[in-house]
Amino acid sequence: MRHKRVIVTSAIVGIVVGVYLLAMIPDGIPSVKVAGQGEAFAWNQNAYWATLEKRFVQQRQQGCGHSVPEVAALLDDIRQQLDGLNSAKLAYRSDSVVRMERAFYDAAVKMGRVQRQ
């Protein structure tokens, strides 16, 4: 009787180990889209960048003034947008993404007024 119990226990352990080892076999190589395949990256925003640069220079010439509250308000707006986008799935150039990008750039331009002392 004891010999049968050892055989049954060994068989069960063997089956469990076999199933575990089968579960550890990977499914195969997942298909991953590699960056750079397909379309080439194009900035296509040179005019916008030039405008940002001009605004930055203008802001820098005006000096600090009241820019700290403006920058704080812009950063609060960005935080609110980020909270709203936290769980959303967005397309690469969706309106929300473009607005967020513009908000970051606007905040950066305003920060140009605040010079180190």
Protein backbone atom coordinates (compact mmCIF):
# COMPACT_ATOMS: atom_id res chain seq x y z
CA MET A 1 0.00 0.00 0.00
CA ARG A 2 2.78 2.38 0.89
CA HIS A 3 4.59 1.61 -2.35
CA LYS A 4 1.44 2.57 -4.33
CA ARG A 5 1.18 5.88 -2.48
CA VAL A 6 4.82 6.72 -3.36
CA ILE A 7 4.18 5.90 -7.02
CA VAL A 8 0.96 8.00 -7.15
CA THR A 9 2.64 10.94 -5.37
CA SER A 10 5.63 10.74 -7.71
CA ALA A 11 3.32 10.67 -10.72
CA ILE A 12 1.39 13.72 -9.50
CA VAL A 13 4.61 15.64 -8.80
CA GLY A 14 5.93 14.62 -12.23
CA ILE A 15 2.74 15.84 -13.93
CA VAL A 16 2.83 19.16 -12.05
CA VAL A 17 6.50 19.70 -12.91
CA GLY A 18 5.83 18.74 -16.55
CA VAL A 19 2.90 21.17 -16.84
CA TYR A 20 5.01 23.90 -15.21
CA LEU A 21 7.87 23.32 -17.64
CA LEU A 22 5.46 23.39 -20.59
CA ALA A 23 4.02 26.68 -19.32
CA MET A 24 7.53 28.17 -19.23
CA ILE A 25 8.06 27.67 -22.98
CA PRO A 26 7.73 31.08 -24.66
CA ASP A 27 5.07 31.58 -27.32
CA GLY A 28 7.57 32.79 -29.82
CA ILE A 29 9.03 36.09 -30.91
CA PRO A 30 6.45 38.85 -30.57
CA SER A 31 6.07 41.14 -33.52
CA VAL A 32 7.44 44.49 -32.45
CA LYS A 33 7.28 47.53 -34.67
CA VAL A 34 10.76 48.99 -34.80
CA ALA A 35 11.09 52.75 -34.82
CA GLY A 36 12.31 54.04 -38.12
CA GLN A 37 10.40 51.55 -40.22
CA GLY A 38 7.86 53.07 -42.53
CA GLU A 39 7.77 56.85 -42.58
CA ALA A 40 10.79 58.96 -41.83
CA PHE A 41 10.44 61.45 -39.00
CA ALA A 42 9.76 64.97 -40.20
CA TRP A 43 9.59 67.93 -37.84
CA ASN A 44 7.45 70.01 -40.22
CA GLN A 45 7.18 72.79 -37.66
CA ASN A 46 10.07 75.06 -38.59
CA ALA A 47 7.81 78.12 -38.82
CA TYR A 48 6.35 77.40 -35.38
CA TRP A 49 9.86 76.94 -33.94
CA ALA A 50 10.99 80.26 -35.43
CA THR A 51 7.95 81.96 -33.87
CA LEU A 52 8.78 80.43 -30.50
CA GLU A 53 12.34 81.67 -30.77
CA LYS A 54 11.18 85.22 -31.52
CA ARG A 55 8.72 85.15 -28.63
CA PHE A 56 11.46 83.88 -26.32
CA VAL A 57 13.78 86.74 -27.29
CA GLN A 58 10.97 89.27 -26.79
CA GLN A 59 10.10 87.82 -23.39
CA ARG A 60 13.74 87.87 -22.34
CA GLN A 61 14.04 91.56 -23.31
CA GLN A 62 10.92 92.49 -21.29
CA GLY A 63 12.40 91.08 -18.10
CA CYS A 64 10.79 89.22 -15.22
CA GLY A 65 8.00 91.58 -14.28
CA HIS A 66 4.89 89.59 -13.50
CA SER A 67 5.91 86.44 -15.35
CA VAL A 68 6.14 84.17 -12.30
CA PRO A 69 2.33 84.09 -11.76
CA GLU A 70 1.85 83.61 -15.53
CA VAL A 71 4.23 80.66 -15.57
CA ALA A 72 2.59 79.18 -12.47
CA ALA A 73 -0.83 79.45 -14.15
CA LEU A 74 0.50 77.79 -17.31
CA LEU A 75 2.05 74.96 -15.29
CA ASP A 76 -1.22 74.46 -13.40
CA ASP A 77 -3.01 74.25 -16.73
CA ILE A 78 -0.49 71.65 -17.91
CA ARG A 79 -1.00 69.62 -14.71
CA GLN A 80 -4.77 69.65 -15.26
CA GLN A 81 -4.33 68.53 -18.86
CA LEU A 82 -2.01 65.73 -17.74
CA ASP A 83 -4.54 64.58 -15.15
CA GLY A 84 -7.18 64.47 -17.87
CA LEU A 85 -4.91 62.48 -20.19
CA ASN A 86 -3.68 60.11 -17.52
CA SER A 87 -5.70 57.09 -18.59
CA ALA A 88 -6.66 58.06 -22.13
CA LYS A 89 -5.24 56.32 -25.18
CA LEU A 90 -4.29 58.98 -27.68
CA ALA A 91 -3.24 59.01 -31.28
CA TYR A 92 0.21 60.37 -32.09
CA ARG A 93 -0.98 63.82 -33.25
CA SER A 94 -4.36 64.00 -31.56
CA ASP A 95 -5.70 67.44 -30.60
CA SER A 96 -5.01 66.73 -26.92
CA VAL A 97 -1.39 65.86 -27.61
CA VAL A 98 -0.88 68.95 -29.78
CA ARG A 99 -2.48 71.20 -27.11
CA MET A 100 -0.23 69.67 -24.46
CA GLU A 101 2.85 70.17 -26.63
CA ARG A 102 1.92 73.80 -27.27
CA ALA A 103 1.27 74.38 -23.55
CA PHE A 104 4.77 73.12 -22.70
CA TYR A 105 6.33 75.36 -25.34
CA ASP A 106 4.31 78.37 -24.19
CA ALA A 107 5.40 77.78 -20.61
CA ALA A 108 9.03 77.49 -21.74
CA VAL A 109 8.80 80.79 -23.61
CA LYS A 110 7.33 82.51 -20.55
CA MET A 111 10.06 81.00 -18.39
CA GLY A 112 12.56 82.75 -20.65
CA ARG A 113 11.58 85.99 -18.94
CA VAL A 114 12.69 84.73 -15.56
CA GLN A 115 16.45 85.17 -15.56
CA ARG A 116 18.78 83.87 -12.90
CA GLN A 117 19.83 86.52 -10.46
